Every structure is written in C-alpha cells, then in structure tokens.
PDB file of all heavy atoms in Angstrom:
ATOM      1  N   LEU A   1       0.835  -1.195   0.000  1.00  0.00           N
ATOM      2  CA  LEU A   1       0.000   0.000   0.000  1.00  0.00           C
ATOM      3  C   LEU A   1       0.875   1.253   0.000  1.00  0.00           C
ATOM      4  O   LEU A   1       0.583   2.219  -0.716  1.00  0.00           O
ATOM      5  CB  LEU A   1      -0.925  -0.025   1.227  1.00  0.00           C
ATOM      6  CG  LEU A   1      -2.172   0.835   1.170  1.00  0.00           C
ATOM      7  CD1 LEU A   1      -3.010   0.538  -0.061  1.00  0.00           C
ATOM      8  CD2 LEU A   1      -2.999   0.633   2.426  1.00  0.00           C
ATOM      9  N   ASP A   2       1.960   1.224   0.761  1.00  0.00           N
ATOM     10  CA  ASP A   2       2.879   2.367   0.807  1.00  0.00           C
ATOM     11  C   ASP A   2       3.487   2.653  -0.566  1.00  0.00           C
ATOM     12  O   ASP A   2       3.619   3.815  -0.964  1.00  0.00           O
ATOM     13  CB  ASP A   2       4.009   2.117   1.812  1.00  0.00           C
ATOM     14  CG  ASP A   2       3.537   2.145   3.258  1.00  0.00           C
ATOM     15  OD1 ASP A   2       2.460   2.718   3.522  1.00  0.00           O
ATOM     16  OD2 ASP A   2       4.254   1.590   4.113  1.00  0.00           O
ATOM     17  N   GLN A   3       3.844   1.611  -1.298  1.00  0.00           N
ATOM     18  CA  GLN A   3       4.410   1.807  -2.635  1.00  0.00           C
ATOM     19  C   GLN A   3       3.386   2.441  -3.567  1.00  0.00           C
ATOM     20  O   GLN A   3       3.729   3.322  -4.361  1.00  0.00           O
ATOM     21  CB  GLN A   3       4.880   0.473  -3.212  1.00  0.00           C
ATOM     22  CG  GLN A   3       6.129  -0.073  -2.563  1.00  0.00           C
ATOM     23  CD  GLN A   3       6.474  -1.466  -3.062  1.00  0.00           C
ATOM     24  OE1 GLN A   3       5.598  -2.323  -3.199  1.00  0.00           O
ATOM     25  NE2 GLN A   3       7.758  -1.705  -3.313  1.00  0.00           N
ATOM     26  N   ILE A   4       2.151   1.980  -3.498  1.00  0.00           N
ATOM     27  CA  ILE A   4       1.092   2.535  -4.354  1.00  0.00           C
ATOM     28  C   ILE A   4       0.922   4.021  -4.051  1.00  0.00           C
ATOM     29  O   ILE A   4       0.851   4.853  -4.963  1.00  0.00           O
ATOM     30  CB  ILE A   4      -0.237   1.769  -4.156  1.00  0.00           C
ATOM     31  CG1 ILE A   4      -0.080   0.329  -4.660  1.00  0.00           C
ATOM     32  CG2 ILE A   4      -1.391   2.482  -4.855  1.00  0.00           C
ATOM     33  CD1 ILE A   4      -1.217  -0.599  -4.278  1.00  0.00           C
ATOM     34  N   GLU A   5       0.865   4.350  -2.761  1.00  0.00           N
ATOM     35  CA  GLU A   5       0.695   5.752  -2.356  1.00  0.00           C
ATOM     36  C   GLU A   5       1.863   6.605  -2.838  1.00  0.00           C
ATOM     37  O   GLU A   5       1.666   7.704  -3.354  1.00  0.00           O
ATOM     38  CB  GLU A   5       0.583   5.848  -0.832  1.00  0.00           C
ATOM     39  CG  GLU A   5      -0.682   5.216  -0.290  1.00  0.00           C
ATOM     40  CD  GLU A   5      -0.641   5.019   1.231  1.00  0.00           C
ATOM     41  OE1 GLU A   5       0.169   5.687   1.919  1.00  0.00           O
ATOM     42  OE2 GLU A   5      -1.410   4.180   1.721  1.00  0.00           O
ATOM     43  N   GLU A   6       3.072   6.083  -2.690  1.00  0.00           N
ATOM     44  CA  GLU A   6       4.268   6.844  -3.062  1.00  0.00           C
ATOM     45  C   GLU A   6       4.367   7.054  -4.573  1.00  0.00           C
ATOM     46  O   GLU A   6       4.584   8.172  -5.049  1.00  0.00           O
ATOM     47  CB  GLU A   6       5.513   6.127  -2.553  1.00  0.00           C
ATOM     48  CG  GLU A   6       6.798   6.877  -2.824  1.00  0.00           C
ATOM     49  CD  GLU A   6       8.018   6.129  -2.322  1.00  0.00           C
ATOM     50  OE1 GLU A   6       7.927   5.450  -1.283  1.00  0.00           O
ATOM     51  OE2 GLU A   6       9.069   6.237  -2.991  1.00  0.00           O
ATOM     52  N   VAL A   7       4.197   5.982  -5.334  1.00  0.00           N
ATOM     53  CA  VAL A   7       4.357   6.077  -6.792  1.00  0.00           C
ATOM     54  C   VAL A   7       3.265   6.941  -7.417  1.00  0.00           C
ATOM     55  O   VAL A   7       3.532   7.761  -8.296  1.00  0.00           O
ATOM     56  CB  VAL A   7       4.380   4.666  -7.433  1.00  0.00           C
ATOM     57  CG1 VAL A   7       4.334   4.751  -8.940  1.00  0.00           C
ATOM     58  CG2 VAL A   7       5.618   3.900  -6.983  1.00  0.00           C
ATOM     59  N   LEU A   8       2.031   6.759  -6.971  1.00  0.00           N
ATOM     60  CA  LEU A   8       0.930   7.520  -7.548  1.00  0.00           C
ATOM     61  C   LEU A   8       0.735   8.879  -6.875  1.00  0.00           C
ATOM     62  O   LEU A   8      -0.099   9.666  -7.311  1.00  0.00           O
ATOM     63  CB  LEU A   8      -0.369   6.711  -7.464  1.00  0.00           C
ATOM     64  CG  LEU A   8      -0.418   5.459  -8.338  1.00  0.00           C
ATOM     65  CD1 LEU A   8      -1.702   4.675  -8.096  1.00  0.00           C
ATOM     66  CD2 LEU A   8      -0.306   5.829  -9.800  1.00  0.00           C
ATOM     67  N   ASP A   9       1.491   9.127  -5.788  1.00  0.00           N
ATOM     68  CA  ASP A   9       1.396  10.373  -5.040  1.00  0.00           C
ATOM     69  C   ASP A   9      -0.048  10.632  -4.599  1.00  0.00           C
ATOM     70  O   ASP A   9      -0.641  11.670  -4.909  1.00  0.00           O
ATOM     71  CB  ASP A   9       1.934  11.540  -5.873  1.00  0.00           C
ATOM     72  CG  ASP A   9       2.190  12.777  -5.023  1.00  0.00           C
ATOM     73  OD1 ASP A   9       2.430  12.626  -3.809  1.00  0.00           O
ATOM     74  OD2 ASP A   9       2.117  13.905  -5.575  1.00  0.00           O
ATOM     75  N   ILE A  10      -0.597   9.631  -3.894  1.00  0.00           N
ATOM     76  CA  ILE A  10      -1.977   9.711  -3.416  1.00  0.00           C
ATOM     77  C   ILE A  10      -2.020   9.337  -1.930  1.00  0.00           C
ATOM     78  O   ILE A  10      -1.056   8.810  -1.374  1.00  0.00           O
ATOM     79  CB  ILE A  10      -2.922   8.785  -4.213  1.00  0.00           C
ATOM     80  CG1 ILE A  10      -2.447   7.321  -4.151  1.00  0.00           C
ATOM     81  CG2 ILE A  10      -3.038   9.261  -5.663  1.00  0.00           C
ATOM     82  CD1 ILE A  10      -3.379   6.336  -4.842  1.00  0.00           C
ATOM     83  N   THR A  11      -3.172   9.591  -1.320  1.00  0.00           N
ATOM     84  CA  THR A  11      -3.349   9.275   0.098  1.00  0.00           C
ATOM     85  C   THR A  11      -3.714   7.805   0.266  1.00  0.00           C
ATOM     86  O   THR A  11      -4.038   7.111  -0.706  1.00  0.00           O
ATOM     87  CB  THR A  11      -4.475  10.124   0.709  1.00  0.00           C
ATOM     88  OG1 THR A  11      -5.707   9.740   0.110  1.00  0.00           O
ATOM     89  CG2 THR A  11      -4.218  11.615   0.528  1.00  0.00           C
ATOM     90  N   GLU A  12      -3.705   7.361   1.517  1.00  0.00           N
ATOM     91  CA  GLU A  12      -4.080   5.978   1.823  1.00  0.00           C
ATOM     92  C   GLU A  12      -5.528   5.709   1.414  1.00  0.00           C
ATOM     93  O   GLU A  12      -5.829   4.655   0.842  1.00  0.00           O
ATOM     94  CB  GLU A  12      -3.883   5.698   3.315  1.00  0.00           C
ATOM     95  CG  GLU A  12      -4.143   4.257   3.694  1.00  0.00           C
ATOM     96  CD  GLU A  12      -3.865   3.976   5.165  1.00  0.00           C
ATOM     97  OE1 GLU A  12      -3.233   4.808   5.839  1.00  0.00           O
ATOM     98  OE2 GLU A  12      -4.283   2.898   5.623  1.00  0.00           O
ATOM     99  N   ASP A  13      -6.420   6.663   1.683  1.00  0.00           N
ATOM    100  CA  ASP A  13      -7.831   6.496   1.310  1.00  0.00           C
ATOM    101  C   ASP A  13      -7.993   6.384  -0.205  1.00  0.00           C
ATOM    102  O   ASP A  13      -8.757   5.552  -0.703  1.00  0.00           O
ATOM    103  CB  ASP A  13      -8.679   7.661   1.843  1.00  0.00           C
ATOM    104  CG  ASP A  13      -8.855   7.615   3.354  1.00  0.00           C
ATOM    105  OD1 ASP A  13      -8.656   6.532   3.944  1.00  0.00           O
ATOM    106  OD2 ASP A  13      -9.188   8.668   3.943  1.00  0.00           O
ATOM    107  N   GLU A  14      -7.258   7.222  -0.947  1.00  0.00           N
ATOM    108  CA  GLU A  14      -7.337   7.165  -2.410  1.00  0.00           C
ATOM    109  C   GLU A  14      -6.817   5.830  -2.937  1.00  0.00           C
ATOM    110  O   GLU A  14      -7.390   5.267  -3.871  1.00  0.00           O
ATOM    111  CB  GLU A  14      -6.530   8.314  -3.035  1.00  0.00           C
ATOM    112  CG  GLU A  14      -7.150   9.682  -2.849  1.00  0.00           C
ATOM    113  CD  GLU A  14      -6.240  10.789  -3.363  1.00  0.00           C
ATOM    114  OE1 GLU A  14      -5.076  10.862  -2.907  1.00  0.00           O
ATOM    115  OE2 GLU A  14      -6.709  11.566  -4.230  1.00  0.00           O
ATOM    116  N   SER A  15      -5.745   5.326  -2.337  1.00  0.00           N
ATOM    117  CA  SER A  15      -5.205   4.046  -2.796  1.00  0.00           C
ATOM    118  C   SER A  15      -6.193   2.914  -2.515  1.00  0.00           C
ATOM    119  O   SER A  15      -6.364   2.018  -3.336  1.00  0.00           O
ATOM    120  CB  SER A  15      -3.839   3.762  -2.178  1.00  0.00           C
ATOM    121  OG  SER A  15      -3.930   3.634  -0.785  1.00  0.00           O
ATOM    122  N   HIS A  16      -6.864   2.966  -1.369  1.00  0.00           N
ATOM    123  CA  HIS A  16      -7.899   1.961  -1.064  1.00  0.00           C
ATOM    124  C   HIS A  16      -9.033   2.029  -2.081  1.00  0.00           C
ATOM    125  O   HIS A  16      -9.525   0.993  -2.552  1.00  0.00           O
ATOM    126  CB  HIS A  16      -8.453   2.153   0.352  1.00  0.00           C
ATOM    127  CG  HIS A  16      -7.595   1.571   1.427  1.00  0.00           C
ATOM    128  ND1 HIS A  16      -7.428   0.224   1.597  1.00  0.00           N
ATOM    129  CD2 HIS A  16      -6.847   2.170   2.394  1.00  0.00           C
ATOM    130  CE1 HIS A  16      -6.620   0.002   2.617  1.00  0.00           C
ATOM    131  NE2 HIS A  16      -6.243   1.188   3.117  1.00  0.00           N
ATOM    132  N   GLU A  17      -9.443   3.247  -2.424  1.00  0.00           N
ATOM    133  CA  GLU A  17     -10.518   3.428  -3.417  1.00  0.00           C
ATOM    134  C   GLU A  17     -10.121   2.852  -4.770  1.00  0.00           C
ATOM    135  O   GLU A  17     -10.910   2.151  -5.414  1.00  0.00           O
ATOM    136  CB  GLU A  17     -10.849   4.920  -3.585  1.00  0.00           C
ATOM    137  CG  GLU A  17     -11.787   5.476  -2.556  1.00  0.00           C
ATOM    138  CD  GLU A  17     -12.088   6.949  -2.817  1.00  0.00           C
ATOM    139  OE1 GLU A  17     -12.219   7.348  -4.012  1.00  0.00           O
ATOM    140  OE2 GLU A  17     -12.187   7.699  -1.834  1.00  0.00           O
ATOM    141  N   LEU A  18      -8.903   3.175  -5.225  1.00  0.00           N
ATOM    142  CA  LEU A  18      -8.426   2.670  -6.514  1.00  0.00           C
ATOM    143  C   LEU A  18      -8.354   1.145  -6.522  1.00  0.00           C
ATOM    144  O   LEU A  18      -8.794   0.497  -7.471  1.00  0.00           O
ATOM    145  CB  LEU A  18      -7.043   3.236  -6.842  1.00  0.00           C
ATOM    146  CG  LEU A  18      -6.968   4.653  -7.358  1.00  0.00           C
ATOM    147  CD1 LEU A  18      -5.512   5.078  -7.529  1.00  0.00           C
ATOM    148  CD2 LEU A  18      -7.710   4.794  -8.675  1.00  0.00           C
ATOM    149  N   LEU A  19      -7.793   0.579  -5.467  1.00  0.00           N
ATOM    150  CA  LEU A  19      -7.679  -0.884  -5.376  1.00  0.00           C
ATOM    151  C   LEU A  19      -9.043  -1.549  -5.371  1.00  0.00           C
ATOM    152  O   LEU A  19      -9.266  -2.548  -6.068  1.00  0.00           O
ATOM    153  CB  LEU A  19      -6.898  -1.286  -4.128  1.00  0.00           C
ATOM    154  CG  LEU A  19      -5.385  -1.173  -4.225  1.00  0.00           C
ATOM    155  CD1 LEU A  19      -4.754  -1.228  -2.849  1.00  0.00           C
ATOM    156  CD2 LEU A  19      -4.828  -2.265  -5.116  1.00  0.00           C
ATOM    157  N   THR A  20      -9.970  -0.997  -4.600  1.00  0.00           N
ATOM    158  CA  THR A  20     -11.321  -1.567  -4.522  1.00  0.00           C
ATOM    159  C   THR A  20     -12.011  -1.487  -5.875  1.00  0.00           C
ATOM    160  O   THR A  20     -12.632  -2.458  -6.326  1.00  0.00           O
ATOM    161  CB  THR A  20     -12.153  -0.837  -3.448  1.00  0.00           C
ATOM    162  OG1 THR A  20     -11.484  -0.957  -2.195  1.00  0.00           O
ATOM    163  CG2 THR A  20     -13.549  -1.410  -3.349  1.00  0.00           C
ATOM    164  N   SER A  21     -11.891  -0.360  -6.541  1.00  0.00           N
ATOM    165  CA  SER A  21     -12.517  -0.186  -7.850  1.00  0.00           C
ATOM    166  C   SER A  21     -11.936  -1.166  -8.876  1.00  0.00           C
ATOM    167  O   SER A  21     -12.677  -1.827  -9.617  1.00  0.00           O
ATOM    168  CB  SER A  21     -12.325   1.251  -8.327  1.00  0.00           C
ATOM    169  OG  SER A  21     -12.872   1.428  -9.607  1.00  0.00           O
ATOM    170  N   LEU A  22     -10.613  -1.277  -8.914  1.00  0.00           N
ATOM    171  CA  LEU A  22      -9.962  -2.189  -9.853  1.00  0.00           C
ATOM    172  C   LEU A  22     -10.299  -3.638  -9.511  1.00  0.00           C
ATOM    173  O   LEU A  22     -10.576  -4.446 -10.403  1.00  0.00           O
ATOM    174  CB  LEU A  22      -8.446  -1.967  -9.837  1.00  0.00           C
ATOM    175  CG  LEU A  22      -7.624  -2.671 -10.896  1.00  0.00           C
ATOM    176  CD1 LEU A  22      -8.098  -2.319 -12.303  1.00  0.00           C
ATOM    177  CD2 LEU A  22      -6.148  -2.305 -10.742  1.00  0.00           C
ATOM    178  N   LYS A  23     -10.294  -3.954  -8.234  1.00  0.00           N
ATOM    179  CA  LYS A  23     -10.630  -5.309  -7.796  1.00  0.00           C
ATOM    180  C   LYS A  23     -12.055  -5.665  -8.214  1.00  0.00           C
ATOM    181  O   LYS A  23     -12.322  -6.771  -8.685  1.00  0.00           O
ATOM    182  CB  LYS A  23     -10.479  -5.426  -6.275  1.00  0.00           C
ATOM    183  CG  LYS A  23     -10.489  -6.818  -5.755  1.00  0.00           C
ATOM    184  CD  LYS A  23     -10.092  -6.862  -4.290  1.00  0.00           C
ATOM    185  CE  LYS A  23      -9.983  -8.303  -3.863  1.00  0.00           C
ATOM    186  NZ  LYS A  23      -9.431  -8.467  -2.543  1.00  0.00           N
ATOM    187  N   ASN A  24     -12.994  -4.720  -8.092  1.00  0.00           N
ATOM    188  CA  ASN A  24     -14.386  -4.954  -8.504  1.00  0.00           C
ATOM    189  C   ASN A  24     -14.497  -5.151 -10.018  1.00  0.00           C
ATOM    190  O   ASN A  24     -15.310  -5.946 -10.479  1.00  0.00           O
ATOM    191  CB  ASN A  24     -15.288  -3.815  -8.040  1.00  0.00           C
ATOM    192  CG  ASN A  24     -15.521  -3.832  -6.544  1.00  0.00           C
ATOM    193  OD1 ASN A  24     -15.403  -4.874  -5.898  1.00  0.00           O
ATOM    194  ND2 ASN A  24     -15.835  -2.673  -5.977  1.00  0.00           N
ATOM    195  N   ASP A  25     -13.676  -4.431 -10.790  1.00  0.00           N
ATOM    196  CA  ASP A  25     -13.666  -4.624 -12.244  1.00  0.00           C
ATOM    197  C   ASP A  25     -13.315  -6.069 -12.592  1.00  0.00           C
ATOM    198  O   ASP A  25     -13.868  -6.658 -13.509  1.00  0.00           O
ATOM    199  CB  ASP A  25     -12.642  -3.704 -12.920  1.00  0.00           C
ATOM    200  CG  ASP A  25     -13.040  -2.243 -12.893  1.00  0.00           C
ATOM    201  OD1 ASP A  25     -14.203  -1.930 -12.533  1.00  0.00           O
ATOM    202  OD2 ASP A  25     -12.178  -1.402 -13.219  1.00  0.00           O
TER     203      ASP A  25
END
C-alpha cells in the first residue's frame, strides 16, 4: 500500500478506493 501511495502520489484512502474499484472490475 505504501508503494502505491508513493508512486501515484496519493493518500491511503485514495489508494484503497483505486484498489477496490480495480478489484471490482
């Protein structure tokens, strides 16, 4: 999760949202 936040320059909440959305796809 830390790598996702760092590379995409996003918050923890945003990374959770992105992961959940992609996982649902």
